[in-house]
Amino acid sequence: MAFARGGAAAVEFYKVAFGAEQVFRIEDPDGNVVARLSVGGAEFWVSDESPEHGNTAPNPAAGNSVRMVLTVADPDAVFDQAVRAGASAVAAMSEEHGWRVGRVADPFGHHWEIGRQVAE
C-alpha cells in the first residue's frame, strides 16, 4: 500500500499520470481514503497516512526506502504523461540491462520506475 498525505489527491494523480482505474474506494467523513487502483491489470493500493498505526507517507528529505516498478507497453509515453501530470523526472528514459526504463518521483514522495524489457 502506498501511503500519502492527501490520499484523494494521490488517487486522482495516479489516474491522470498512469491511466489508473479505481477498482475500489472507501472514504471516511474526514475525507481520508483507501483505494485499490489498477494500471493495465496490475493493482496497487493507496491510502491516507495514519501515523498512529505506523503508516506514514514518504519523507523525501530522508530518502525513499521503496521504489515501485510499473511495467507498461510504452514506457516513454507513460513517463511523459506522468511528468505532465506533475511527477518529477529522476532518471531520464534510457536502455540499460535489457530494459527501456526511466524513473519519476510523484508529488507524494513515491518513486516509480517505468519500463519494459527490450531484450532477454
C-alpha atoms as a PDB file:
ATOM      1  CA  MET A   1       0.000   0.000   0.000  1.00  0.00           C
ATOM      2  CA  ALA A   2       1.261   3.471  -0.866  1.00  0.00           C
ATOM      3  CA  PHE A   3       0.603   5.943   1.946  1.00  0.00           C
ATOM      4  CA  ALA A   4       0.146   9.602   1.070  1.00  0.00           C
ATOM      5  CA  ARG A   5      -0.575  12.909   2.685  1.00  0.00           C
ATOM      6  CA  GLY A   6      -3.730  13.635   0.713  1.00  0.00           C
ATOM      7  CA  GLY A   7      -4.914  10.206  -0.380  1.00  0.00           C
ATOM      8  CA  ALA A   8      -7.790  11.518  -2.505  1.00  0.00           C
ATOM      9  CA  ALA A   9      -5.395  13.767  -4.428  1.00  0.00           C
ATOM     10  CA  ALA A  10      -3.000  10.834  -4.858  1.00  0.00           C
ATOM     11  CA  VAL A  11      -5.768   8.704  -6.368  1.00  0.00           C
ATOM     12  CA  GLU A  12      -6.599  11.463  -8.852  1.00  0.00           C
ATOM     13  CA  PHE A  13      -2.911  11.940  -9.697  1.00  0.00           C
ATOM     14  CA  TYR A  14      -2.436   8.232 -10.473  1.00  0.00           C
ATOM     15  CA  LYS A  15      -5.497   8.283 -12.713  1.00  0.00           C
ATOM     16  CA  VAL A  16      -4.026  11.130 -14.770  1.00  0.00           C
ATOM     17  CA  ALA A  17      -0.349  10.162 -14.578  1.00  0.00           C
ATOM     18  CA  PHE A  18      -0.631   6.423 -15.206  1.00  0.00           C
ATOM     19  CA  GLY A  19      -4.149   5.972 -16.568  1.00  0.00           C
ATOM     20  CA  ALA A  20      -5.061   4.097 -13.376  1.00  0.00           C
ATOM     21  CA  GLU A  21      -8.597   2.858 -12.927  1.00  0.00           C
ATOM     22  CA  GLN A  22     -10.202   2.960  -9.498  1.00  0.00           C
ATOM     23  CA  VAL A  23     -11.376  -0.546  -8.603  1.00  0.00           C
ATOM     24  CA  PHE A  24     -12.442   0.059  -5.002  1.00  0.00           C
ATOM     25  CA  ARG A  25     -12.647   3.054  -2.676  1.00  0.00           C
ATOM     26  CA  ILE A  26     -13.810   3.842   0.825  1.00  0.00           C
ATOM     27  CA  GLU A  27     -13.746   7.310   2.313  1.00  0.00           C
ATOM     28  CA  ASP A  28     -14.306   8.388   5.893  1.00  0.00           C
ATOM     29  CA  PRO A  29     -16.205  11.541   6.921  1.00  0.00           C
ATOM     30  CA  ASP A  30     -12.891  13.446   7.192  1.00  0.00           C
ATOM     31  CA  GLY A  31     -12.086  12.688   3.529  1.00  0.00           C
ATOM     32  CA  ASN A  32      -9.401  10.060   4.195  1.00  0.00           C
ATOM     33  CA  VAL A  33      -9.417   7.328   1.572  1.00  0.00           C
ATOM     34  CA  VAL A  34      -8.317   3.785   0.980  1.00  0.00           C
ATOM     35  CA  ALA A  35      -8.456   2.890  -2.709  1.00  0.00           C
ATOM     36  CA  ARG A  36      -7.438  -0.006  -4.932  1.00  0.00           C
ATOM     37  CA  LEU A  37      -6.210   1.102  -8.344  1.00  0.00           C
ATOM     38  CA  SER A  38      -5.300  -0.826 -11.470  1.00  0.00           C
ATOM     39  CA  VAL A  39      -2.868   0.027 -14.257  1.00  0.00           C
ATOM     40  CA  GLY A  40      -3.084  -2.451 -17.103  1.00  0.00           C
ATOM     41  CA  GLY A  41      -4.346  -5.148 -14.754  1.00  0.00           C
ATOM     42  CA  ALA A  42      -1.606  -4.570 -12.142  1.00  0.00           C
ATOM     43  CA  GLU A  43      -3.221  -3.440  -8.902  1.00  0.00           C
ATOM     44  CA  PHE A  44      -1.932  -1.344  -6.051  1.00  0.00           C
ATOM     45  CA  TRP A  45      -3.499   0.338  -3.031  1.00  0.00           C
ATOM     46  CA  VAL A  46      -3.349   3.972  -1.919  1.00  0.00           C
ATOM     47  CA  SER A  47      -4.322   5.314   1.478  1.00  0.00           C
ATOM     48  CA  ASP A  48      -4.007   8.431   3.549  1.00  0.00           C
ATOM     49  CA  GLU A  49      -1.215   8.039   6.036  1.00  0.00           C
ATOM     50  CA  SER A  50      -2.162   7.098   9.601  1.00  0.00           C
ATOM     51  CA  PRO A  51       0.908   7.647  11.792  1.00  0.00           C
ATOM     52  CA  GLU A  52      -0.998   6.354  14.818  1.00  0.00           C
ATOM     53  CA  HIS A  53      -0.952   2.926  13.098  1.00  0.00           C
ATOM     54  CA  GLY A  54       2.648   3.227  11.884  1.00  0.00           C
ATOM     55  CA  ASN A  55       1.554   4.068   8.321  1.00  0.00           C
ATOM     56  CA  THR A  56       3.431   7.134   7.138  1.00  0.00           C
ATOM     57  CA  ALA A  57       3.912   8.777   3.790  1.00  0.00           C
ATOM     58  CA  PRO A  58       7.453   9.073   2.419  1.00  0.00           C
ATOM     59  CA  ASN A  59       9.669  11.852   3.673  1.00  0.00           C
ATOM     60  CA  PRO A  60      11.558  12.953   0.543  1.00  0.00           C
ATOM     61  CA  ALA A  61      14.196  14.769   2.644  1.00  0.00           C
ATOM     62  CA  ALA A  62      15.089  11.471   4.342  1.00  0.00           C
ATOM     63  CA  GLY A  63      15.261   9.420   1.138  1.00  0.00           C
ATOM     64  CA  ASN A  64      12.942   6.727  -0.048  1.00  0.00           C
ATOM     65  CA  SER A  65      13.044   3.079   1.007  1.00  0.00           C
ATOM     66  CA  VAL A  66      10.630   1.834  -1.669  1.00  0.00           C
ATOM     67  CA  ARG A  67      10.681   2.166  -5.434  1.00  0.00           C
ATOM     68  CA  MET A  68       7.706   0.842  -7.361  1.00  0.00           C
ATOM     69  CA  VAL A  69       8.220  -0.640 -10.808  1.00  0.00           C
ATOM     70  CA  LEU A  70       5.494  -0.109 -13.386  1.00  0.00           C
ATOM     71  CA  THR A  71       5.906  -2.310 -16.458  1.00  0.00           C
ATOM     72  CA  VAL A  72       3.977  -0.972 -19.457  1.00  0.00           C
ATOM     73  CA  ALA A  73       3.948  -1.434 -23.227  1.00  0.00           C
ATOM     74  CA  ASP A  74       5.041   2.156 -23.968  1.00  0.00           C
ATOM     75  CA  PRO A  75       7.184   3.399 -21.084  1.00  0.00           C
ATOM     76  CA  ASP A  76       8.219   6.592 -22.894  1.00  0.00           C
ATOM     77  CA  ALA A  77       4.595   7.683 -23.271  1.00  0.00           C
ATOM     78  CA  VAL A  78       3.715   6.843 -19.648  1.00  0.00           C
ATOM     79  CA  PHE A  79       6.876   8.588 -18.375  1.00  0.00           C
ATOM     80  CA  ASP A  80       5.971  11.741 -20.337  1.00  0.00           C
ATOM     81  CA  GLN A  81       2.334  11.532 -19.175  1.00  0.00           C
ATOM     82  CA  ALA A  82       3.436  11.263 -15.535  1.00  0.00           C
ATOM     83  CA  VAL A  83       5.718  14.298 -15.861  1.00  0.00           C
ATOM     84  CA  ARG A  84       2.911  16.310 -17.486  1.00  0.00           C
ATOM     85  CA  ALA A  85       0.661  15.307 -14.577  1.00  0.00           C
ATOM     86  CA  GLY A  86       3.149  16.690 -12.037  1.00  0.00           C
ATOM     87  CA  ALA A  87       5.763  13.999 -11.405  1.00  0.00           C
ATOM     88  CA  SER A  88       9.432  14.986 -11.366  1.00  0.00           C
ATOM     89  CA  ALA A  89      11.886  13.189 -13.632  1.00  0.00           C
ATOM     90  CA  VAL A  90      14.540  11.460 -11.508  1.00  0.00           C
ATOM     91  CA  ALA A  91      16.234   9.434 -14.261  1.00  0.00           C
ATOM     92  CA  ALA A  92      15.531  10.011 -17.948  1.00  0.00           C
ATOM     93  CA  MET A  93      14.315   7.157 -20.109  1.00  0.00           C
ATOM     94  CA  SER A  94      17.214   5.015 -21.309  1.00  0.00           C
ATOM     95  CA  GLU A  95      18.071   1.465 -22.238  1.00  0.00           C
ATOM     96  CA  GLU A  96      20.084  -0.494 -19.728  1.00  0.00           C
ATOM     97  CA  HIS A  97      20.384  -4.124 -18.705  1.00  0.00           C
ATOM     98  CA  GLY A  98      17.909  -5.147 -21.413  1.00  0.00           C
ATOM     99  CA  TRP A  99      15.241  -2.688 -20.272  1.00  0.00           C
ATOM    100  CA  ARG A 100      13.832   0.598 -21.522  1.00  0.00           C
ATOM    101  CA  VAL A 101      13.352   2.414 -18.223  1.00  0.00           C
ATOM    102  CA  GLY A 102      13.142   5.790 -16.508  1.00  0.00           C
ATOM    103  CA  ARG A 103      12.216   6.953 -13.015  1.00  0.00           C
ATOM    104  CA  VAL A 104       9.890   9.654 -11.710  1.00  0.00           C
ATOM    105  CA  ALA A 105       9.012  10.908  -8.243  1.00  0.00           C
ATOM    106  CA  ASP A 106       5.329  11.595  -7.770  1.00  0.00           C
ATOM    107  CA  PRO A 107       4.080  14.618  -5.805  1.00  0.00           C
ATOM    108  CA  PHE A 108       3.511  12.357  -2.776  1.00  0.00           C
ATOM    109  CA  GLY A 109       7.149  11.225  -2.463  1.00  0.00           C
ATOM    110  CA  HIS A 110       6.898   7.816  -4.143  1.00  0.00           C
ATOM    111  CA  HIS A 111       9.422   6.825  -6.800  1.00  0.00           C
ATOM    112  CA  TRP A 112       8.276   4.883  -9.852  1.00  0.00           C
ATOM    113  CA  GLU A 113      10.457   3.111 -12.377  1.00  0.00           C
ATOM    114  CA  ILE A 114       8.519   2.970 -15.617  1.00  0.00           C
ATOM    115  CA  GLY A 115       9.773   0.488 -18.167  1.00  0.00           C
ATOM    116  CA  ARG A 116       9.593  -2.638 -20.218  1.00  0.00           C
ATOM    117  CA  GLN A 117      12.008  -5.387 -21.096  1.00  0.00           C
ATOM    118  CA  VAL A 118      13.511  -4.993 -24.587  1.00  0.00           C
ATOM    119  CA  ALA A 119      15.973  -7.895 -24.594  1.00  0.00           C
ATOM    120  CA  GLU A 120      16.357 -11.147 -22.726  1.00  0.00           C
END
